[in-house]
Amino acid sequence: MSRIVFTENAPAPIGPYSQAVWNGNTLFVSGQIAMDAKSGKIIGQDGESIEDETHKVMHNMGQILEAAELSYYNIVKCSIFVKDMNDFQAINTAYGEYFKENPPARETVEVSRLPKDVRVEISCVAAKE
């Protein structure tokens, strides 16, 4: 049976989906964007760097993982969606700071548009040991 995870420390869903869902020992975290959970401000639309935007995305993901009593260590797979593949190196550098050892499986895909016109969205799958 599935169990929903919700925290006020990450942005509330902007559509009919959950922040994350447990199914057995696997946590599926919905795509996160660089939205501030309290103010609703989008990081990256007022001149902040793509690195700043990526760090905010990863912070939001971390808040959801924490609410599920997990950490970045538990992530086994990430999907990264980028608006411009020219930002890949900067995104990759910021993302890499969260996975110093044993990085998860991953794909990175360029897309034409993302929610709220952000430049990067990241989702993940995590597993409880």
C-alpha atoms as a PDB file:
ATOM      1  CA  MET A   1       0.000   0.000   0.000  1.00  0.00           C
ATOM      2  CA  SER A   2       1.286   3.473  -0.867  1.00  0.00           C
ATOM      3  CA  ARG A   3       1.838   6.196   1.706  1.00  0.00           C
ATOM      4  CA  ILE A   4       2.063   9.935   0.927  1.00  0.00           C
ATOM      5  CA  VAL A   5       4.916  12.112   2.234  1.00  0.00           C
ATOM      6  CA  PHE A   6       4.322  15.843   2.737  1.00  0.00           C
ATOM      7  CA  THR A   7       6.385  18.548   4.392  1.00  0.00           C
ATOM      8  CA  GLU A   8       5.796  22.276   4.665  1.00  0.00           C
ATOM      9  CA  ASN A   9       9.586  22.676   4.315  1.00  0.00           C
ATOM     10  CA  ALA A  10       9.358  22.013   0.561  1.00  0.00           C
ATOM     11  CA  PRO A  11       7.050  23.645  -1.981  1.00  0.00           C
ATOM     12  CA  ALA A  12       3.493  22.367  -1.938  1.00  0.00           C
ATOM     13  CA  PRO A  13       2.464  20.563  -5.122  1.00  0.00           C
ATOM     14  CA  ILE A  14       1.252  22.908  -7.863  1.00  0.00           C
ATOM     15  CA  GLY A  15      -0.993  20.251  -9.378  1.00  0.00           C
ATOM     16  CA  PRO A  16      -2.669  16.924  -8.650  1.00  0.00           C
ATOM     17  CA  TYR A  17       0.392  15.062  -7.370  1.00  0.00           C
ATOM     18  CA  SER A  18       2.192  14.382  -4.087  1.00  0.00           C
ATOM     19  CA  GLN A  19       5.632  15.603  -3.029  1.00  0.00           C
ATOM     20  CA  ALA A  20       6.589  11.954  -2.582  1.00  0.00           C
ATOM     21  CA  VAL A  21       5.021   8.526  -2.276  1.00  0.00           C
ATOM     22  CA  TRP A  22       6.266   5.472  -0.407  1.00  0.00           C
ATOM     23  CA  ASN A  23       5.641   2.098  -1.993  1.00  0.00           C
ATOM     24  CA  GLY A  24       7.191  -0.626   0.121  1.00  0.00           C
ATOM     25  CA  ASN A  25      10.788   0.414   0.859  1.00  0.00           C
ATOM     26  CA  THR A  26      10.954   2.710  -2.174  1.00  0.00           C
ATOM     27  CA  LEU A  27      10.293   6.449  -2.095  1.00  0.00           C
ATOM     28  CA  PHE A  28       9.338   8.208  -5.324  1.00  0.00           C
ATOM     29  CA  VAL A  29      10.000  11.964  -5.071  1.00  0.00           C
ATOM     30  CA  SER A  30       8.193  14.173  -7.573  1.00  0.00           C
ATOM     31  CA  GLY A  31      10.131  16.631  -9.698  1.00  0.00           C
ATOM     32  CA  GLN A  32      11.357  19.559  -7.647  1.00  0.00           C
ATOM     33  CA  ILE A  33      11.920  23.086  -8.895  1.00  0.00           C
ATOM     34  CA  ALA A  34      13.697  26.023  -7.298  1.00  0.00           C
ATOM     35  CA  MET A  35      10.652  27.418  -5.514  1.00  0.00           C
ATOM     36  CA  ASP A  36      10.968  28.734  -1.981  1.00  0.00           C
ATOM     37  CA  ALA A  37       8.520  26.820   0.218  1.00  0.00           C
ATOM     38  CA  LYS A  38       7.580  29.832   2.350  1.00  0.00           C
ATOM     39  CA  SER A  39       7.476  32.754  -0.094  1.00  0.00           C
ATOM     40  CA  GLY A  40       6.738  30.954  -3.359  1.00  0.00           C
ATOM     41  CA  LYS A  41       9.604  32.891  -4.993  1.00  0.00           C
ATOM     42  CA  ILE A  42      11.317  31.104  -7.866  1.00  0.00           C
ATOM     43  CA  ILE A  43      15.112  31.139  -7.502  1.00  0.00           C
ATOM     44  CA  GLY A  44      16.756  31.856 -10.850  1.00  0.00           C
ATOM     45  CA  GLN A  45      14.235  34.293 -12.272  1.00  0.00           C
ATOM     46  CA  ASP A  46      15.756  37.386 -10.667  1.00  0.00           C
ATOM     47  CA  GLY A  47      19.271  36.929 -11.992  1.00  0.00           C
ATOM     48  CA  GLU A  48      20.409  34.127  -9.685  1.00  0.00           C
ATOM     49  CA  SER A  49      22.762  31.627 -11.294  1.00  0.00           C
ATOM     50  CA  ILE A  50      21.823  28.196 -12.579  1.00  0.00           C
ATOM     51  CA  GLU A  51      23.990  26.850  -9.754  1.00  0.00           C
ATOM     52  CA  ASP A  52      21.832  28.727  -7.215  1.00  0.00           C
ATOM     53  CA  GLU A  53      18.734  27.329  -8.877  1.00  0.00           C
ATOM     54  CA  THR A  54      20.123  23.782  -8.788  1.00  0.00           C
ATOM     55  CA  HIS A  55      21.094  24.074  -5.119  1.00  0.00           C
ATOM     56  CA  LYS A  56      17.546  25.205  -4.265  1.00  0.00           C
ATOM     57  CA  VAL A  57      16.117  22.229  -6.176  1.00  0.00           C
ATOM     58  CA  MET A  58      18.410  19.874  -4.259  1.00  0.00           C
ATOM     59  CA  HIS A  59      17.530  21.602  -0.960  1.00  0.00           C
ATOM     60  CA  ASN A  60      13.818  21.060  -1.637  1.00  0.00           C
ATOM     61  CA  MET A  61      14.476  17.415  -2.464  1.00  0.00           C
ATOM     62  CA  GLY A  62      16.488  17.083   0.746  1.00  0.00           C
ATOM     63  CA  GLN A  63      13.598  18.458   2.802  1.00  0.00           C
ATOM     64  CA  ILE A  64      11.271  15.808   1.375  1.00  0.00           C
ATOM     65  CA  LEU A  65      13.834  13.076   1.978  1.00  0.00           C
ATOM     66  CA  GLU A  66      14.223  14.275   5.575  1.00  0.00           C
ATOM     67  CA  ALA A  67      10.435  14.182   6.082  1.00  0.00           C
ATOM     68  CA  ALA A  68      10.599  10.548   4.953  1.00  0.00           C
ATOM     69  CA  GLU A  69      13.513   9.923   7.362  1.00  0.00           C
ATOM     70  CA  LEU A  70      15.968   9.425   4.476  1.00  0.00           C
ATOM     71  CA  SER A  71      18.904  11.394   3.056  1.00  0.00           C
ATOM     72  CA  TYR A  72      20.700  11.929  -0.254  1.00  0.00           C
ATOM     73  CA  TYR A  73      22.595   8.739   0.587  1.00  0.00           C
ATOM     74  CA  ASN A  74      19.382   6.753   0.002  1.00  0.00           C
ATOM     75  CA  ILE A  75      18.842   8.059  -3.542  1.00  0.00           C
ATOM     76  CA  VAL A  76      19.294   5.349  -6.152  1.00  0.00           C
ATOM     77  CA  LYS A  77      18.099   7.219  -9.272  1.00  0.00           C
ATOM     78  CA  CYS A  78      17.660  10.834 -10.379  1.00  0.00           C
ATOM     79  CA  SER A  79      16.081  12.345 -13.472  1.00  0.00           C
ATOM     80  CA  ILE A  80      17.228  15.824 -14.440  1.00  0.00           C
ATOM     81  CA  PHE A  81      15.248  17.933 -16.880  1.00  0.00           C
ATOM     82  CA  VAL A  82      16.961  21.055 -18.232  1.00  0.00           C
ATOM     83  CA  LYS A  83      15.686  23.833 -20.428  1.00  0.00           C
ATOM     84  CA  ASP A  84      19.096  24.396 -22.038  1.00  0.00           C
ATOM     85  CA  MET A  85      21.736  21.682 -22.275  1.00  0.00           C
ATOM     86  CA  ASN A  86      24.346  24.469 -22.350  1.00  0.00           C
ATOM     87  CA  ASP A  87      23.686  24.741 -18.576  1.00  0.00           C
ATOM     88  CA  PHE A  88      24.577  21.065 -18.087  1.00  0.00           C
ATOM     89  CA  GLN A  89      28.118  21.567 -16.744  1.00  0.00           C
ATOM     90  CA  ALA A  90      27.055  24.141 -14.135  1.00  0.00           C
ATOM     91  CA  ILE A  91      24.061  22.024 -13.076  1.00  0.00           C
ATOM     92  CA  ASN A  92      26.240  18.919 -12.937  1.00  0.00           C
ATOM     93  CA  THR A  93      28.802  20.661 -10.721  1.00  0.00           C
ATOM     94  CA  ALA A  94      26.166  21.861  -8.227  1.00  0.00           C
ATOM     95  CA  TYR A  95      24.337  18.505  -8.292  1.00  0.00           C
ATOM     96  CA  GLY A  96      27.595  16.637  -7.737  1.00  0.00           C
ATOM     97  CA  GLU A  97      28.128  18.367  -4.385  1.00  0.00           C
ATOM     98  CA  TYR A  98      25.308  16.225  -2.966  1.00  0.00           C
ATOM     99  CA  PHE A  99      26.842  12.938  -4.106  1.00  0.00           C
ATOM    100  CA  LYS A 100      30.531  12.918  -3.187  1.00  0.00           C
ATOM    101  CA  GLU A 101      30.599   9.102  -3.034  1.00  0.00           C
ATOM    102  CA  ASN A 102      28.493   6.485  -4.795  1.00  0.00           C
ATOM    103  CA  PRO A 103      26.365   8.791  -6.971  1.00  0.00           C
ATOM    104  CA  PRO A 104      22.984   7.409  -8.046  1.00  0.00           C
ATOM    105  CA  ALA A 105      21.988   6.318 -11.534  1.00  0.00           C
ATOM    106  CA  ARG A 106      20.777   9.281 -13.579  1.00  0.00           C
ATOM    107  CA  GLU A 107      19.624  10.672 -16.870  1.00  0.00           C
ATOM    108  CA  THR A 108      19.631  14.276 -18.031  1.00  0.00           C
ATOM    109  CA  VAL A 109      17.176  15.393 -20.696  1.00  0.00           C
ATOM    110  CA  GLU A 110      16.731  18.732 -22.420  1.00  0.00           C
ATOM    111  CA  VAL A 111      13.088  19.808 -22.640  1.00  0.00           C
ATOM    112  CA  SER A 112      11.371  22.765 -24.285  1.00  0.00           C
ATOM    113  CA  ARG A 113       9.665  24.076 -21.147  1.00  0.00           C
ATOM    114  CA  LEU A 114       9.368  23.354 -17.420  1.00  0.00           C
ATOM    115  CA  PRO A 115       6.780  24.348 -14.772  1.00  0.00           C
ATOM    116  CA  LYS A 116       6.901  28.021 -13.772  1.00  0.00           C
ATOM    117  CA  ASP A 117       9.460  28.511 -16.578  1.00  0.00           C
ATOM    118  CA  VAL A 118      12.343  27.278 -14.417  1.00  0.00           C
ATOM    119  CA  ARG A 119      15.574  26.085 -16.014  1.00  0.00           C
ATOM    120  CA  VAL A 120      15.989  22.800 -14.108  1.00  0.00           C
ATOM    121  CA  GLU A 121      13.750  20.201 -12.456  1.00  0.00           C
ATOM    122  CA  ILE A 122      14.981  17.085 -10.682  1.00  0.00           C
ATOM    123  CA  SER A 123      13.104  14.019  -9.420  1.00  0.00           C
ATOM    124  CA  CYS A 124      14.463  10.979  -7.635  1.00  0.00           C
ATOM    125  CA  VAL A 125      13.827   7.495  -6.392  1.00  0.00           C
ATOM    126  CA  ALA A 126      15.213   6.567  -2.975  1.00  0.00           C
ATOM    127  CA  ALA A 127      15.312   3.272  -1.145  1.00  0.00           C
ATOM    128  CA  LYS A 128      15.253   2.421   2.539  1.00  0.00           C
ATOM    129  CA  GLU A 129      17.899  -0.142   3.418  1.00  0.00           C
END
